[in-house]
């Protein structure tokens, strides 16, 4: 029995190492990772910092810190402004739907972000 438990623990460790850090991050923080919706990219880190990029060739780069609770994601930008979103994940956690609850110049409607 002891060999089986050791083998299982080793297998779990190796599978986590092979699948990469993003899989491990996602277990503890469902937001962590890169999300894309058309020309918008939202990168959320485990340390609660974020980078928001609009466009590709000519782009607007914004950053700051985020927090989340039950169905609310708050982005606090470096310039001091704050935007609240209601959120919902798809069943497989690969789609994040954000709906702005406060006025935000860059997003006026519901967006579906896909995890990269």
N, C-alpha and C. Protein backbone atom coordinates (compact mmCIF):
# COMPACT_ATOMS: atom_id res chain seq x y z
N UNK A 1 0.82 -1.20 0.00
CA UNK A 1 0.00 0.00 0.00
C UNK A 1 0.87 1.26 0.00
N UNK A 2 1.96 1.22 0.74
CA UNK A 2 2.86 2.36 0.84
C UNK A 2 3.50 2.67 -0.52
N UNK A 3 3.84 1.63 -1.28
CA UNK A 3 4.42 1.83 -2.61
C UNK A 3 3.40 2.49 -3.54
N UNK A 4 2.14 2.10 -3.42
CA UNK A 4 1.09 2.68 -4.26
C UNK A 4 0.93 4.17 -3.97
N UNK A 5 0.92 4.55 -2.70
CA UNK A 5 0.79 5.96 -2.34
C UNK A 5 2.01 6.77 -2.81
N UNK A 6 3.20 6.20 -2.67
CA UNK A 6 4.40 6.88 -3.15
C UNK A 6 4.36 7.06 -4.66
N UNK A 7 3.94 6.02 -5.36
CA UNK A 7 3.83 6.08 -6.82
C UNK A 7 2.81 7.14 -7.23
N UNK A 8 1.66 7.19 -6.56
CA UNK A 8 0.61 8.16 -6.88
C UNK A 8 1.10 9.58 -6.63
N UNK A 9 1.79 9.80 -5.52
CA UNK A 9 2.32 11.14 -5.22
C UNK A 9 3.34 11.56 -6.27
N UNK A 10 4.22 10.66 -6.67
CA UNK A 10 5.22 10.97 -7.71
C UNK A 10 4.53 11.26 -9.03
N UNK A 11 3.52 10.49 -9.37
CA UNK A 11 2.79 10.70 -10.62
C UNK A 11 2.10 12.07 -10.64
N UNK A 12 1.50 12.45 -9.53
CA UNK A 12 0.86 13.77 -9.44
C UNK A 12 1.89 14.88 -9.56
N UNK A 13 3.03 14.73 -8.92
CA UNK A 13 4.08 15.75 -9.00
C UNK A 13 4.60 15.88 -10.42
N UNK A 14 4.86 14.78 -11.08
CA UNK A 14 5.38 14.81 -12.45
C UNK A 14 4.35 15.39 -13.41
N UNK A 15 3.08 15.03 -13.25
CA UNK A 15 2.05 15.56 -14.15
C UNK A 15 1.88 17.06 -13.96
N UNK A 16 2.00 17.56 -12.72
CA UNK A 16 1.92 19.01 -12.50
C UNK A 16 3.12 19.71 -13.11
N UNK A 17 4.30 19.12 -13.01
CA UNK A 17 5.50 19.72 -13.59
C UNK A 17 5.44 19.75 -15.11
N UNK A 18 4.94 18.68 -15.70
CA UNK A 18 4.86 18.59 -17.16
C UNK A 18 3.78 19.52 -17.72
N UNK A 19 2.68 19.66 -17.02
CA UNK A 19 1.58 20.49 -17.52
C UNK A 19 1.87 21.98 -17.40
N UNK A 20 2.88 22.35 -16.64
CA UNK A 20 3.28 23.75 -16.56
C UNK A 20 2.69 24.45 -15.37
N UNK A 21 3.21 25.63 -15.13
CA UNK A 21 2.80 26.42 -13.96
C UNK A 21 1.37 26.93 -14.09
N UNK A 22 0.89 27.20 -15.32
CA UNK A 22 -0.46 27.73 -15.48
C UNK A 22 -1.51 26.79 -14.92
N UNK A 23 -1.30 25.49 -15.07
CA UNK A 23 -2.28 24.54 -14.55
C UNK A 23 -2.30 24.58 -13.02
N UNK A 24 -1.12 24.70 -12.40
CA UNK A 24 -1.04 24.76 -10.95
C UNK A 24 -1.64 26.08 -10.46
N UNK A 25 -1.32 27.20 -11.16
CA UNK A 25 -1.88 28.51 -10.78
C UNK A 25 -3.40 28.47 -10.80
N UNK A 26 -3.98 27.85 -11.82
CA UNK A 26 -5.42 27.83 -11.98
C UNK A 26 -6.15 27.07 -10.90
N UNK A 27 -5.44 26.15 -10.22
CA UNK A 27 -6.07 25.41 -9.14
C UNK A 27 -6.41 26.31 -7.96
N UNK A 28 -5.58 27.31 -7.71
CA UNK A 28 -5.76 28.17 -6.55
C UNK A 28 -6.42 29.50 -6.89
N UNK A 29 -6.22 29.99 -8.10
CA UNK A 29 -6.78 31.25 -8.53
C UNK A 29 -7.35 31.05 -9.93
N UNK A 30 -8.66 30.98 -10.07
CA UNK A 30 -9.24 30.67 -11.38
C UNK A 30 -8.99 31.76 -12.42
N UNK A 31 -8.60 32.96 -12.00
CA UNK A 31 -8.36 34.07 -12.93
C UNK A 31 -6.95 34.05 -13.51
N UNK A 32 -5.99 33.45 -12.83
CA UNK A 32 -4.59 33.51 -13.23
C UNK A 32 -4.39 32.98 -14.64
N UNK A 33 -3.69 33.75 -15.45
CA UNK A 33 -3.37 33.35 -16.82
C UNK A 33 -3.70 34.46 -17.80
N UNK A 34 -3.53 34.14 -19.09
CA UNK A 34 -3.83 35.10 -20.16
C UNK A 34 -5.20 34.81 -20.72
N UNK A 35 -5.97 35.87 -20.91
CA UNK A 35 -7.32 35.79 -21.45
C UNK A 35 -7.41 36.71 -22.66
N UNK A 36 -8.09 36.28 -23.72
CA UNK A 36 -8.20 37.09 -24.93
C UNK A 36 -9.65 37.14 -25.41
N UNK A 37 -10.03 38.36 -25.84
CA UNK A 37 -11.34 38.57 -26.46
C UNK A 37 -11.13 39.54 -27.62
N UNK A 38 -11.01 39.01 -28.82
CA UNK A 38 -10.77 39.85 -29.99
C UNK A 38 -9.46 40.59 -29.85
N UNK A 39 -9.51 41.92 -29.85
CA UNK A 39 -8.31 42.76 -29.75
C UNK A 39 -7.94 43.07 -28.29
N UNK A 40 -8.64 42.49 -27.34
CA UNK A 40 -8.37 42.74 -25.93
C UNK A 40 -7.63 41.55 -25.33
N UNK A 41 -6.62 41.84 -24.54
CA UNK A 41 -5.89 40.80 -23.83
C UNK A 41 -5.80 41.20 -22.36
N UNK A 42 -6.14 40.28 -21.49
CA UNK A 42 -6.11 40.51 -20.05
C UNK A 42 -5.25 39.43 -19.43
N UNK A 43 -4.14 39.85 -18.83
CA UNK A 43 -3.24 38.90 -18.17
C UNK A 43 -3.31 39.13 -16.67
N UNK A 44 -3.76 38.11 -15.95
CA UNK A 44 -3.94 38.19 -14.50
C UNK A 44 -2.91 37.28 -13.83
N UNK A 45 -2.15 37.85 -12.93
CA UNK A 45 -1.09 37.10 -12.23
C UNK A 45 -1.57 36.64 -10.86
N UNK A 46 -0.88 35.65 -10.31
CA UNK A 46 -1.22 35.15 -8.97
C UNK A 46 -0.98 36.18 -7.88
N UNK A 47 -0.06 37.12 -8.11
CA UNK A 47 0.22 38.14 -7.10
C UNK A 47 -0.80 39.27 -7.12
N UNK A 48 -1.89 39.07 -7.86
CA UNK A 48 -3.02 40.00 -7.97
C UNK A 48 -2.70 41.23 -8.82
N UNK A 49 -1.64 41.20 -9.62
CA UNK A 49 -1.39 42.27 -10.57
C UNK A 49 -1.99 41.86 -11.91
N UNK A 50 -2.25 42.86 -12.77
CA UNK A 50 -2.80 42.55 -14.08
C UNK A 50 -2.22 43.49 -15.12
N UNK A 51 -2.32 43.05 -16.37
CA UNK A 51 -1.95 43.85 -17.53
C UNK A 51 -3.11 43.75 -18.50
N UNK A 52 -3.59 44.89 -18.97
CA UNK A 52 -4.72 44.95 -19.89
C UNK A 52 -4.24 45.63 -21.16
N UNK A 53 -4.28 44.92 -22.28
CA UNK A 53 -3.78 45.44 -23.55
C UNK A 53 -4.94 45.52 -24.54
N UNK A 54 -5.07 46.69 -25.17
CA UNK A 54 -6.11 46.90 -26.17
C UNK A 54 -5.41 47.17 -27.49
N UNK A 55 -5.69 46.34 -28.51
CA UNK A 55 -5.08 46.50 -29.82
C UNK A 55 -3.81 45.67 -29.94
N UNK A 56 -3.23 45.69 -31.16
CA UNK A 56 -2.01 44.92 -31.36
C UNK A 56 -0.88 45.82 -31.87
N UNK A 57 -1.01 46.35 -33.08
CA UNK A 57 0.04 47.18 -33.64
C UNK A 57 0.14 48.50 -32.88
N UNK A 58 -0.94 49.21 -32.80
CA UNK A 58 -1.04 50.41 -31.96
C UNK A 58 -1.91 50.00 -30.79
N UNK A 59 -1.32 50.00 -29.61
CA UNK A 59 -2.06 49.46 -28.47
C UNK A 59 -2.04 50.40 -27.28
N UNK A 60 -2.99 50.15 -26.39
CA UNK A 60 -3.08 50.84 -25.11
C UNK A 60 -2.75 49.79 -24.05
N UNK A 61 -1.74 50.07 -23.25
CA UNK A 61 -1.33 49.14 -22.20
C UNK A 61 -1.67 49.74 -20.84
N UNK A 62 -2.48 49.01 -20.09
CA UNK A 62 -2.87 49.46 -18.75
C UNK A 62 -2.50 48.37 -17.76
N UNK A 63 -2.27 48.76 -16.53
CA UNK A 63 -1.92 47.78 -15.51
C UNK A 63 -2.43 48.21 -14.16
N UNK A 64 -2.27 47.32 -13.20
CA UNK A 64 -2.69 47.61 -11.84
C UNK A 64 -2.84 46.34 -11.03
N UNK A 65 -3.75 46.39 -10.07
CA UNK A 65 -4.03 45.25 -9.20
C UNK A 65 -5.50 44.88 -9.29
N UNK A 66 -5.78 43.61 -9.05
CA UNK A 66 -7.17 43.16 -9.09
C UNK A 66 -7.52 42.41 -7.81
N UNK A 67 -8.81 42.37 -7.55
CA UNK A 67 -9.35 41.57 -6.46
C UNK A 67 -10.66 40.97 -6.94
N UNK A 68 -11.07 39.91 -6.29
CA UNK A 68 -12.33 39.28 -6.68
C UNK A 68 -13.03 38.68 -5.47
N UNK A 69 -14.33 38.58 -5.62
CA UNK A 69 -15.18 37.97 -4.60
C UNK A 69 -16.25 37.17 -5.31
N UNK A 70 -17.37 36.97 -4.63
CA UNK A 70 -18.48 36.24 -5.24
C UNK A 70 -19.05 37.04 -6.40
N UNK A 71 -18.73 36.63 -7.59
CA UNK A 71 -19.28 37.19 -8.83
C UNK A 71 -18.87 38.63 -9.12
N UNK A 72 -17.84 39.17 -8.44
CA UNK A 72 -17.38 40.52 -8.72
C UNK A 72 -15.86 40.53 -8.87
N UNK A 73 -15.38 41.08 -9.98
CA UNK A 73 -13.97 41.27 -10.24
C UNK A 73 -13.72 42.78 -10.26
N UNK A 74 -12.73 43.24 -9.50
CA UNK A 74 -12.42 44.67 -9.42
C UNK A 74 -11.02 44.88 -9.97
N UNK A 75 -10.90 45.74 -10.99
CA UNK A 75 -9.61 46.11 -11.55
C UNK A 75 -9.27 47.51 -11.04
N UNK A 76 -8.17 47.64 -10.31
CA UNK A 76 -7.70 48.94 -9.81
C UNK A 76 -6.49 49.32 -10.64
N UNK A 77 -6.68 50.31 -11.51
CA UNK A 77 -5.62 50.73 -12.42
C UNK A 77 -4.58 51.58 -11.72
N UNK A 78 -3.36 51.59 -12.27
CA UNK A 78 -2.26 52.36 -11.70
C UNK A 78 -2.58 53.85 -11.59
N UNK A 79 -3.44 54.35 -12.47
CA UNK A 79 -3.78 55.78 -12.45
C UNK A 79 -4.81 56.13 -11.39
N UNK A 80 -5.26 55.14 -10.61
CA UNK A 80 -6.18 55.39 -9.52
C UNK A 80 -7.64 55.05 -9.81
N UNK A 81 -7.99 54.85 -11.08
CA UNK A 81 -9.39 54.51 -11.38
C UNK A 81 -9.65 53.04 -11.07
N UNK A 82 -10.91 52.74 -10.86
CA UNK A 82 -11.32 51.40 -10.47
C UNK A 82 -12.56 51.01 -11.27
N UNK A 83 -12.57 49.77 -11.76
CA UNK A 83 -13.71 49.28 -12.54
C UNK A 83 -14.18 47.96 -11.95
N UNK A 84 -15.49 47.86 -11.74
CA UNK A 84 -16.10 46.62 -11.24
C UNK A 84 -16.76 45.87 -12.38
N UNK A 85 -16.56 44.57 -12.39
CA UNK A 85 -17.19 43.69 -13.37
C UNK A 85 -17.91 42.58 -12.62
N UNK A 86 -19.06 42.18 -13.14
CA UNK A 86 -19.61 40.90 -12.70
C UNK A 86 -18.99 39.86 -13.63
N UNK A 87 -18.76 38.67 -13.12
CA UNK A 87 -18.09 37.66 -13.92
C UNK A 87 -18.78 36.31 -13.80
N UNK A 88 -18.48 35.48 -14.77
CA UNK A 88 -18.98 34.11 -14.76
C UNK A 88 -18.01 33.26 -15.58
N UNK A 89 -17.69 32.07 -15.06
CA UNK A 89 -16.85 31.13 -15.78
C UNK A 89 -17.71 30.09 -16.46
N UNK A 90 -17.22 29.58 -17.58
CA UNK A 90 -17.88 28.43 -18.20
C UNK A 90 -17.59 27.21 -17.34
N UNK A 91 -18.28 26.12 -17.59
CA UNK A 91 -18.11 24.90 -16.81
C UNK A 91 -16.69 24.38 -16.81
N UNK A 92 -15.96 24.52 -17.92
CA UNK A 92 -14.59 24.03 -18.00
C UNK A 92 -13.56 25.08 -17.62
N UNK A 93 -13.99 26.26 -17.17
CA UNK A 93 -13.14 27.37 -16.73
C UNK A 93 -12.23 27.92 -17.83
N UNK A 94 -12.59 27.70 -19.10
CA UNK A 94 -11.79 28.20 -20.21
C UNK A 94 -12.39 29.45 -20.84
N UNK A 95 -13.58 29.83 -20.41
CA UNK A 95 -14.22 31.06 -20.89
C UNK A 95 -14.63 31.88 -19.67
N UNK A 96 -14.23 33.16 -19.68
CA UNK A 96 -14.55 34.09 -18.62
C UNK A 96 -15.41 35.20 -19.22
N UNK A 97 -16.61 35.36 -18.71
CA UNK A 97 -17.52 36.41 -19.18
C UNK A 97 -17.48 37.56 -18.20
N UNK A 98 -17.16 38.76 -18.72
CA UNK A 98 -17.12 39.97 -17.90
C UNK A 98 -18.18 40.95 -18.37
N UNK A 99 -18.91 41.51 -17.42
CA UNK A 99 -19.91 42.54 -17.70
C UNK A 99 -19.57 43.73 -16.83
N UNK A 100 -19.26 44.91 -17.45
CA UNK A 100 -18.90 46.08 -16.64
C UNK A 100 -20.07 46.57 -15.80
N UNK A 101 -19.80 46.81 -14.53
CA UNK A 101 -20.82 47.31 -13.61
C UNK A 101 -20.63 48.80 -13.36
N UNK A 102 -19.44 49.31 -13.66
CA UNK A 102 -19.16 50.74 -13.55
C UNK A 102 -18.75 51.25 -14.92
N UNK A 103 -18.75 52.56 -15.10
CA UNK A 103 -18.41 53.15 -16.39
C UNK A 103 -16.93 52.91 -16.71
N UNK A 104 -16.66 52.36 -17.88
CA UNK A 104 -15.31 52.05 -18.32
C UNK A 104 -15.22 52.39 -19.80
N UNK A 105 -14.32 53.30 -20.16
CA UNK A 105 -14.22 53.79 -21.53
C UNK A 105 -13.94 52.69 -22.56
N UNK A 106 -13.24 51.64 -22.17
CA UNK A 106 -12.78 50.65 -23.13
C UNK A 106 -13.74 49.47 -23.31
N UNK A 107 -14.55 49.21 -22.32
CA UNK A 107 -15.51 48.10 -22.42
C UNK A 107 -16.88 48.63 -22.02
N UNK A 108 -17.82 48.54 -22.94
CA UNK A 108 -19.18 49.02 -22.66
C UNK A 108 -20.20 47.89 -22.59
N UNK A 109 -19.80 46.69 -22.99
CA UNK A 109 -20.74 45.59 -23.08
C UNK A 109 -20.10 44.30 -22.59
N UNK A 110 -20.87 43.27 -22.52
CA UNK A 110 -20.42 41.95 -22.08
C UNK A 110 -19.34 41.43 -23.02
N UNK A 111 -18.29 40.83 -22.45
CA UNK A 111 -17.21 40.24 -23.24
C UNK A 111 -16.94 38.82 -22.77
N UNK A 112 -16.68 37.95 -23.73
CA UNK A 112 -16.29 36.58 -23.43
C UNK A 112 -14.82 36.43 -23.72
N UNK A 113 -14.01 36.23 -22.69
CA UNK A 113 -12.58 36.02 -22.83
C UNK A 113 -12.29 34.51 -22.86
N UNK A 114 -11.42 34.11 -23.75
CA UNK A 114 -10.97 32.71 -23.84
C UNK A 114 -9.59 32.60 -23.22
N UNK A 115 -9.36 31.57 -22.45
CA UNK A 115 -8.06 31.37 -21.83
C UNK A 115 -7.08 30.86 -22.86
N UNK A 116 -5.89 31.44 -22.86
CA UNK A 116 -4.86 31.02 -23.81
C UNK A 116 -3.97 29.98 -23.19
